[in-house]
Amino acid sequence: MLLFFGFDSERSRAISKLGRFGDRDQSDIQALLRLPGVEVEEFERLAREAIDYYVGNHLPIWGNVKVVLDDYHNGG
């Protein structure tokens, strides 16, 4: 399961990892969100847009987004 929104950037790489969401994906997302020029608000906006195109149950992906944002805001 892979989410991808059509932007070539660190944010879209982070978005693409929301579907698999293994331990490595979670740490990769946190590292990408801490890169210069990457804003967590933009990540959240892109995640919301990408989920609209996701085929299947959106709830697990929303849960993954919530985990990412909670970890980010808590220094994860």
PDB file of N, CA and C in Angstrom:
ATOM      1  N   MET A   1       0.853  -1.154   0.000  1.00  0.00           N
ATOM      2  CA  MET A   1       0.000   0.000   0.000  1.00  0.00           C
ATOM      3  C   MET A   1       0.905   1.225   0.000  1.00  0.00           C
ATOM      4  N   LEU A   2       0.717   2.102  -0.987  1.00  0.00           N
ATOM      5  CA  LEU A   2       1.600   3.251  -1.131  1.00  0.00           C
ATOM      6  C   LEU A   2       0.785   4.468  -1.484  1.00  0.00           C
ATOM      7  N   LEU A   3       0.971   5.538  -0.753  1.00  0.00           N
ATOM      8  CA  LEU A   3       0.356   6.808  -1.086  1.00  0.00           C
ATOM      9  C   LEU A   3       1.416   7.677  -1.724  1.00  0.00           C
ATOM     10  N   PHE A   4       1.062   8.319  -2.807  1.00  0.00           N
ATOM     11  CA  PHE A   4       2.011   9.249  -3.416  1.00  0.00           C
ATOM     12  C   PHE A   4       1.242  10.400  -4.010  1.00  0.00           C
ATOM     13  N   PHE A   5       1.628  11.582  -3.688  1.00  0.00           N
ATOM     14  CA  PHE A   5       1.030  12.775  -4.270  1.00  0.00           C
ATOM     15  C   PHE A   5       2.070  13.387  -5.177  1.00  0.00           C
ATOM     16  N   GLY A   6       1.687  13.863  -6.335  1.00  0.00           N
ATOM     17  CA  GLY A   6       2.613  14.177  -7.414  1.00  0.00           C
ATOM     18  C   GLY A   6       3.549  15.348  -7.246  1.00  0.00           C
ATOM     19  N   PHE A   7       4.269  15.448  -6.179  1.00  0.00           N
ATOM     20  CA  PHE A   7       5.293  16.465  -6.021  1.00  0.00           C
ATOM     21  C   PHE A   7       6.621  15.774  -5.772  1.00  0.00           C
ATOM     22  N   ASP A   8       7.673  16.259  -6.421  1.00  0.00           N
ATOM     23  CA  ASP A   8       8.996  15.682  -6.235  1.00  0.00           C
ATOM     24  C   ASP A   8       9.686  16.447  -5.114  1.00  0.00           C
ATOM     25  N   SER A   9       9.518  15.979  -3.901  1.00  0.00           N
ATOM     26  CA  SER A   9      10.085  16.679  -2.754  1.00  0.00           C
ATOM     27  C   SER A   9      10.174  15.744  -1.565  1.00  0.00           C
ATOM     28  N   GLU A  10      10.793  16.260  -0.528  1.00  0.00           N
ATOM     29  CA  GLU A  10      10.887  15.497   0.705  1.00  0.00           C
ATOM     30  C   GLU A  10       9.500  15.207   1.272  1.00  0.00           C
ATOM     31  N   ARG A  11       8.597  16.176   1.138  1.00  0.00           N
ATOM     32  CA  ARG A  11       7.241  15.980   1.661  1.00  0.00           C
ATOM     33  C   ARG A  11       6.546  14.825   0.963  1.00  0.00           C
ATOM     34  N   SER A  12       6.680  14.733  -0.350  1.00  0.00           N
ATOM     35  CA  SER A  12       5.988  13.642  -1.036  1.00  0.00           C
ATOM     36  C   SER A  12       6.614  12.300  -0.717  1.00  0.00           C
ATOM     37  N   ARG A  13       7.913  12.260  -0.444  1.00  0.00           N
ATOM     38  CA  ARG A  13       8.510  11.003   0.017  1.00  0.00           C
ATOM     39  C   ARG A  13       7.937  10.613   1.361  1.00  0.00           C
ATOM     40  N   ALA A  14       7.742  11.608   2.221  1.00  0.00           N
ATOM     41  CA  ALA A  14       7.138  11.317   3.529  1.00  0.00           C
ATOM     42  C   ALA A  14       5.700  10.835   3.353  1.00  0.00           C
ATOM     43  N   ILE A  15       4.953  11.455   2.463  1.00  0.00           N
ATOM     44  CA  ILE A  15       3.569  11.049   2.195  1.00  0.00           C
ATOM     45  C   ILE A  15       3.532   9.612   1.698  1.00  0.00           C
ATOM     46  N   SER A  16       4.477   9.258   0.831  1.00  0.00           N
ATOM     47  CA  SER A  16       4.472   7.920   0.241  1.00  0.00           C
ATOM     48  C   SER A  16       4.700   6.823   1.282  1.00  0.00           C
ATOM     49  N   LYS A  17       5.286   7.172   2.422  1.00  0.00           N
ATOM     50  CA  LYS A  17       5.581   6.188   3.461  1.00  0.00           C
ATOM     51  C   LYS A  17       4.413   5.972   4.431  1.00  0.00           C
ATOM     52  N   LEU A  18       3.367   6.763   4.307  1.00  0.00           N
ATOM     53  CA  LEU A  18       2.231   6.631   5.217  1.00  0.00           C
ATOM     54  C   LEU A  18       1.490   5.313   5.050  1.00  0.00           C
ATOM     55  N   GLY A  19       1.494   4.759   3.853  1.00  0.00           N
ATOM     56  CA  GLY A  19       0.764   3.519   3.606  1.00  0.00           C
ATOM     57  C   GLY A  19       1.400   2.311   4.265  1.00  0.00           C
ATOM     58  N   ARG A  20       2.720   2.166   4.109  1.00  0.00           N
ATOM     59  CA  ARG A  20       3.436   1.028   4.709  1.00  0.00           C
ATOM     60  C   ARG A  20       3.552   1.213   6.201  1.00  0.00           C
ATOM     61  N   PHE A  21       4.126   2.332   6.590  1.00  0.00           N
ATOM     62  CA  PHE A  21       4.225   2.816   7.966  1.00  0.00           C
ATOM     63  C   PHE A  21       4.884   1.855   8.940  1.00  0.00           C
ATOM     64  N   GLY A  22       5.925   1.176   8.476  1.00  0.00           N
ATOM     65  CA  GLY A  22       6.738   0.375   9.386  1.00  0.00           C
ATOM     66  C   GLY A  22       7.623   1.276  10.233  1.00  0.00           C
ATOM     67  N   ASP A  23       8.394   0.682  11.135  1.00  0.00           N
ATOM     68  CA  ASP A  23       9.282   1.466  12.001  1.00  0.00           C
ATOM     69  C   ASP A  23      10.233   2.336  11.189  1.00  0.00           C
ATOM     70  N   ARG A  24      10.815   1.753  10.145  1.00  0.00           N
ATOM     71  CA  ARG A  24      11.750   2.509   9.305  1.00  0.00           C
ATOM     72  C   ARG A  24      11.049   3.669   8.603  1.00  0.00           C
ATOM     73  N   ASP A  25       9.829   3.425   8.106  1.00  0.00           N
ATOM     74  CA  ASP A  25       9.061   4.485   7.452  1.00  0.00           C
ATOM     75  C   ASP A  25       8.788   5.634   8.423  1.00  0.00           C
ATOM     76  N   GLN A  26       8.424   5.290   9.650  1.00  0.00           N
ATOM     77  CA  GLN A  26       8.128   6.321  10.642  1.00  0.00           C
ATOM     78  C   GLN A  26       9.357   7.166  10.949  1.00  0.00           C
ATOM     79  N   SER A  27      10.509   6.531  11.110  1.00  0.00           N
ATOM     80  CA  SER A  27      11.717   7.321  11.386  1.00  0.00           C
ATOM     81  C   SER A  27      12.153   8.116  10.171  1.00  0.00           C
ATOM     82  N   ASP A  28      11.948   7.561   8.973  1.00  0.00           N
ATOM     83  CA  ASP A  28      12.263   8.314   7.750  1.00  0.00           C
ATOM     84  C   ASP A  28      11.388   9.561   7.636  1.00  0.00           C
ATOM     85  N   ILE A  29      10.106   9.414   7.937  1.00  0.00           N
ATOM     86  CA  ILE A  29       9.195  10.562   7.870  1.00  0.00           C
ATOM     87  C   ILE A  29       9.638  11.649   8.841  1.00  0.00           C
ATOM     88  N   GLN A  30       9.976  11.262  10.073  1.00  0.00           N
ATOM     89  CA  GLN A  30      10.413  12.257  11.054  1.00  0.00           C
ATOM     90  C   GLN A  30      11.695  12.959  10.585  1.00  0.00           C
ATOM     91  N   ALA A  31      12.622  12.201  10.017  1.00  0.00           N
ATOM     92  CA  ALA A  31      13.870  12.798   9.514  1.00  0.00           C
ATOM     93  C   ALA A  31      13.579  13.756   8.360  1.00  0.00           C
ATOM     94  N   LEU A  32      12.697  13.361   7.454  1.00  0.00           N
ATOM     95  CA  LEU A  32      12.350  14.228   6.322  1.00  0.00           C
ATOM     96  C   LEU A  32      11.666  15.503   6.790  1.00  0.00           C
ATOM     97  N   LEU A  33      10.811  15.396   7.799  1.00  0.00           N
ATOM     98  CA  LEU A  33      10.107  16.577   8.292  1.00  0.00           C
ATOM     99  C   LEU A  33      11.034  17.567   8.989  1.00  0.00           C
ATOM    100  N   ARG A  34      12.206  17.106   9.386  1.00  0.00           N
ATOM    101  CA  ARG A  34      13.157  17.986  10.064  1.00  0.00           C
ATOM    102  C   ARG A  34      14.189  18.606   9.123  1.00  0.00           C
ATOM    103  N   LEU A  35      14.090  18.306   7.837  1.00  0.00           N
ATOM    104  CA  LEU A  35      14.999  18.901   6.858  1.00  0.00           C
ATOM    105  C   LEU A  35      14.691  20.382   6.685  1.00  0.00           C
ATOM    106  N   PRO A  36      15.721  21.185   6.390  1.00  0.00           N
ATOM    107  CA  PRO A  36      15.474  22.618   6.149  1.00  0.00           C
ATOM    108  C   PRO A  36      14.490  22.803   4.996  1.00  0.00           C
ATOM    109  N   GLY A  37      13.587  23.740   5.185  1.00  0.00           N
ATOM    110  CA  GLY A  37      12.633  24.068   4.133  1.00  0.00           C
ATOM    111  C   GLY A  37      11.399  23.192   4.101  1.00  0.00           C
ATOM    112  N   VAL A  38      11.330  22.184   4.964  1.00  0.00           N
ATOM    113  CA  VAL A  38      10.153  21.317   5.014  1.00  0.00           C
ATOM    114  C   VAL A  38       9.292  21.774   6.180  1.00  0.00           C
ATOM    115  N   GLU A  39       8.026  22.075   5.882  1.00  0.00           N
ATOM    116  CA  GLU A  39       7.112  22.537   6.913  1.00  0.00           C
ATOM    117  C   GLU A  39       6.086  21.446   7.209  1.00  0.00           C
ATOM    118  N   VAL A  40       5.895  21.160   8.473  1.00  0.00           N
ATOM    119  CA  VAL A  40       4.970  20.097   8.882  1.00  0.00           C
ATOM    120  C   VAL A  40       3.546  20.430   8.445  1.00  0.00           C
ATOM    121  N   GLU A  41       3.199  21.703   8.410  1.00  0.00           N
ATOM    122  CA  GLU A  41       1.856  22.090   7.968  1.00  0.00           C
ATOM    123  C   GLU A  41       1.630  21.711   6.504  1.00  0.00           C
ATOM    124  N   GLU A  42       2.647  21.878   5.683  1.00  0.00           N
ATOM    125  CA  GLU A  42       2.555  21.498   4.273  1.00  0.00           C
ATOM    126  C   GLU A  42       2.433  19.980   4.138  1.00  0.00           C
ATOM    127  N   PHE A  43       3.181  19.247   4.946  1.00  0.00           N
ATOM    128  CA  PHE A  43       3.057  17.790   4.966  1.00  0.00           C
ATOM    129  C   PHE A  43       1.629  17.387   5.302  1.00  0.00           C
ATOM    130  N   GLU A  44       1.066  18.008   6.331  1.00  0.00           N
ATOM    131  CA  GLU A  44      -0.298  17.662   6.734  1.00  0.00           C
ATOM    132  C   GLU A  44      -1.290  17.986   5.617  1.00  0.00           C
ATOM    133  N   ARG A  45      -1.134  19.122   4.964  1.00  0.00           N
ATOM    134  CA  ARG A  45      -2.021  19.492   3.867  1.00  0.00           C
ATOM    135  C   ARG A  45      -1.929  18.482   2.727  1.00  0.00           C
ATOM    136  N   LEU A  46      -0.701  18.119   2.355  1.00  0.00           N
ATOM    137  CA  LEU A  46      -0.508  17.147   1.280  1.00  0.00           C
ATOM    138  C   LEU A  46      -1.054  15.773   1.664  1.00  0.00           C
ATOM    139  N   ALA A  47      -0.896  15.400   2.923  1.00  0.00           N
ATOM    140  CA  ALA A  47      -1.436  14.117   3.385  1.00  0.00           C
ATOM    141  C   ALA A  47      -2.951  14.114   3.248  1.00  0.00           C
ATOM    142  N   ARG A  48      -3.592  15.201   3.641  1.00  0.00           N
ATOM    143  CA  ARG A  48      -5.050  15.296   3.523  1.00  0.00           C
ATOM    144  C   ARG A  48      -5.486  15.173   2.062  1.00  0.00           C
ATOM    145  N   GLU A  49      -4.776  15.852   1.177  1.00  0.00           N
ATOM    146  CA  GLU A  49      -5.108  15.776  -0.248  1.00  0.00           C
ATOM    147  C   GLU A  49      -4.877  14.368  -0.801  1.00  0.00           C
ATOM    148  N   ALA A  50      -3.773  13.756  -0.419  1.00  0.00           N
ATOM    149  CA  ALA A  50      -3.448  12.422  -0.928  1.00  0.00           C
ATOM    150  C   ALA A  50      -4.468  11.383  -0.456  1.00  0.00           C
ATOM    151  N   ILE A  51      -4.921  11.511   0.768  1.00  0.00           N
ATOM    152  CA  ILE A  51      -5.880  10.553   1.310  1.00  0.00           C
ATOM    153  C   ILE A  51      -7.185  10.585   0.521  1.00  0.00           C
ATOM    154  N   ASP A  52      -7.531  11.748  -0.022  1.00  0.00           N
ATOM    155  CA  ASP A  52      -8.741  11.832  -0.848  1.00  0.00           C
ATOM    156  C   ASP A  52      -8.669  10.900  -2.053  1.00  0.00           C
ATOM    157  N   TYR A  53      -7.471  10.571  -2.512  1.00  0.00           N
ATOM    158  CA  TYR A  53      -7.287   9.706  -3.685  1.00  0.00           C
ATOM    159  C   TYR A  53      -7.030   8.248  -3.307  1.00  0.00           C
ATOM    160  N   TYR A  54      -6.902   7.984  -2.037  1.00  0.00           N
ATOM    161  CA  TYR A  54      -6.589   6.642  -1.570  1.00  0.00           C
ATOM    162  C   TYR A  54      -7.811   5.735  -1.720  1.00  0.00           C
ATOM    163  N   VAL A  55      -7.604   4.575  -2.295  1.00  0.00           N
ATOM    164  CA  VAL A  55      -8.693   3.603  -2.454  1.00  0.00           C
ATOM    165  C   VAL A  55      -8.637   2.654  -1.258  1.00  0.00           C
ATOM    166  N   GLY A  56      -9.715   2.596  -0.540  1.00  0.00           N
ATOM    167  CA  GLY A  56      -9.767   1.730   0.629  1.00  0.00           C
ATOM    168  C   GLY A  56     -10.157   2.523   1.859  1.00  0.00           C
ATOM    169  N   ASN A  57     -10.001   1.886   2.991  1.00  0.00           N
ATOM    170  CA  ASN A  57     -10.357   2.475   4.269  1.00  0.00           C
ATOM    171  C   ASN A  57      -9.369   3.584   4.625  1.00  0.00           C
ATOM    172  N   HIS A  58      -9.872   4.793   4.784  1.00  0.00           N
ATOM    173  CA  HIS A  58      -9.013   5.940   5.092  1.00  0.00           C
ATOM    174  C   HIS A  58      -8.583   5.989   6.559  1.00  0.00           C
ATOM    175  N   LEU A  59      -9.330   5.331   7.437  1.00  0.00           N
ATOM    176  CA  LEU A  59      -9.057   5.451   8.872  1.00  0.00           C
ATOM    177  C   LEU A  59      -7.646   5.036   9.286  1.00  0.00           C
ATOM    178  N   PRO A  60      -7.103   3.905   8.779  1.00  0.00           N
ATOM    179  CA  PRO A  60      -5.735   3.569   9.188  1.00  0.00           C
ATOM    180  C   PRO A  60      -4.707   4.614   8.739  1.00  0.00           C
ATOM    181  N   ILE A  61      -4.921   5.184   7.566  1.00  0.00           N
ATOM    182  CA  ILE A  61      -3.985   6.205   7.079  1.00  0.00           C
ATOM    183  C   ILE A  61      -4.100   7.464   7.925  1.00  0.00           C
ATOM    184  N   TRP A  62      -5.327   7.856   8.264  1.00  0.00           N
ATOM    185  CA  TRP A  62      -5.505   9.001   9.163  1.00  0.00           C
ATOM    186  C   TRP A  62      -4.829   8.752  10.505  1.00  0.00           C
ATOM    187  N   GLY A  63      -4.922   7.525  10.999  1.00  0.00           N
ATOM    188  CA  GLY A  63      -4.228   7.183  12.237  1.00  0.00           C
ATOM    189  C   GLY A  63      -2.726   7.342  12.102  1.00  0.00           C
ATOM    190  N   ASN A  64      -2.186   6.949  10.941  1.00  0.00           N
ATOM    191  CA  ASN A  64      -0.744   7.102  10.696  1.00  0.00           C
ATOM    192  C   ASN A  64      -0.356   8.578  10.670  1.00  0.00           C
ATOM    193  N   VAL A  65      -1.185   9.407  10.044  1.00  0.00           N
ATOM    194  CA  VAL A  65      -0.911  10.853  10.006  1.00  0.00           C
ATOM    195  C   VAL A  65      -0.911  11.407  11.423  1.00  0.00           C
ATOM    196  N   LYS A  66      -1.871  10.994  12.221  1.00  0.00           N
ATOM    197  CA  LYS A  66      -1.938  11.471  13.605  1.00  0.00           C
ATOM    198  C   LYS A  66      -0.692  11.065  14.391  1.00  0.00           C
ATOM    199  N   VAL A  67      -0.234   9.835  14.211  1.00  0.00           N
ATOM    200  CA  VAL A  67       0.983   9.381  14.891  1.00  0.00           C
ATOM    201  C   VAL A  67       2.170  10.242  14.466  1.00  0.00           C
ATOM    202  N   VAL A  68       2.302  10.486  13.171  1.00  0.00           N
ATOM    203  CA  VAL A  68       3.416  11.309  12.662  1.00  0.00           C
ATOM    204  C   VAL A  68       3.382  12.696  13.280  1.00  0.00           C
ATOM    205  N   LEU A  69       2.218  13.327  13.267  1.00  0.00           N
ATOM    206  CA  LEU A  69       2.111  14.685  13.794  1.00  0.00           C
ATOM    207  C   LEU A  69       2.350  14.716  15.302  1.00  0.00           C
ATOM    208  N   ASP A  70       1.796  13.749  16.035  1.00  0.00           N
ATOM    209  CA  ASP A  70       2.038  13.679  17.483  1.00  0.00           C
ATOM    210  C   ASP A  70       3.529  13.495  17.776  1.00  0.00           C
ATOM    211  N   ASP A  71       4.176  12.578  17.055  1.00  0.00           N
ATOM    212  CA  ASP A  71       5.603  12.350  17.260  1.00  0.00           C
ATOM    213  C   ASP A  71       6.405  13.607  16.930  1.00  0.00           C
ATOM    214  N   TYR A  72       6.055  14.261  15.844  1.00  0.00           N
ATOM    215  CA  TYR A  72       6.769  15.463  15.428  1.00  0.00           C
ATOM    216  C   TYR A  72       6.651  16.549  16.504  1.00  0.00           C
ATOM    217  N   HIS A  73       5.433  16.792  16.965  1.00  0.00           N
ATOM    218  CA  HIS A  73       5.209  17.860  17.942  1.00  0.00           C
ATOM    219  C   HIS A  73       5.733  17.521  19.323  1.00  0.00           C
ATOM    220  N   ASN A  74       5.979  16.231  19.576  1.00  0.00           N
ATOM    221  CA  ASN A  74       6.535  15.808  20.858  1.00  0.00           C
ATOM    222  C   ASN A  74       8.021  15.482  20.767  1.00  0.00           C
ATOM    223  N   GLY A  75       8.659  15.916  19.685  1.00  0.00           N
ATOM    224  CA  GLY A  75      10.097  15.738  19.535  1.00  0.00           C
ATOM    225  C   GLY A  75      10.512  14.362  19.092  1.00  0.00           C
ATOM    226  N   GLY A  76       9.586  13.574  18.521  1.00  0.00           N
ATOM    227  CA  GLY A  76       9.836  12.194  18.099  1.00  0.00           C
ATOM    228  C   GLY A  76      10.781  12.001  17.008  1.00  0.00           C
TER     229      GLY A  76
END
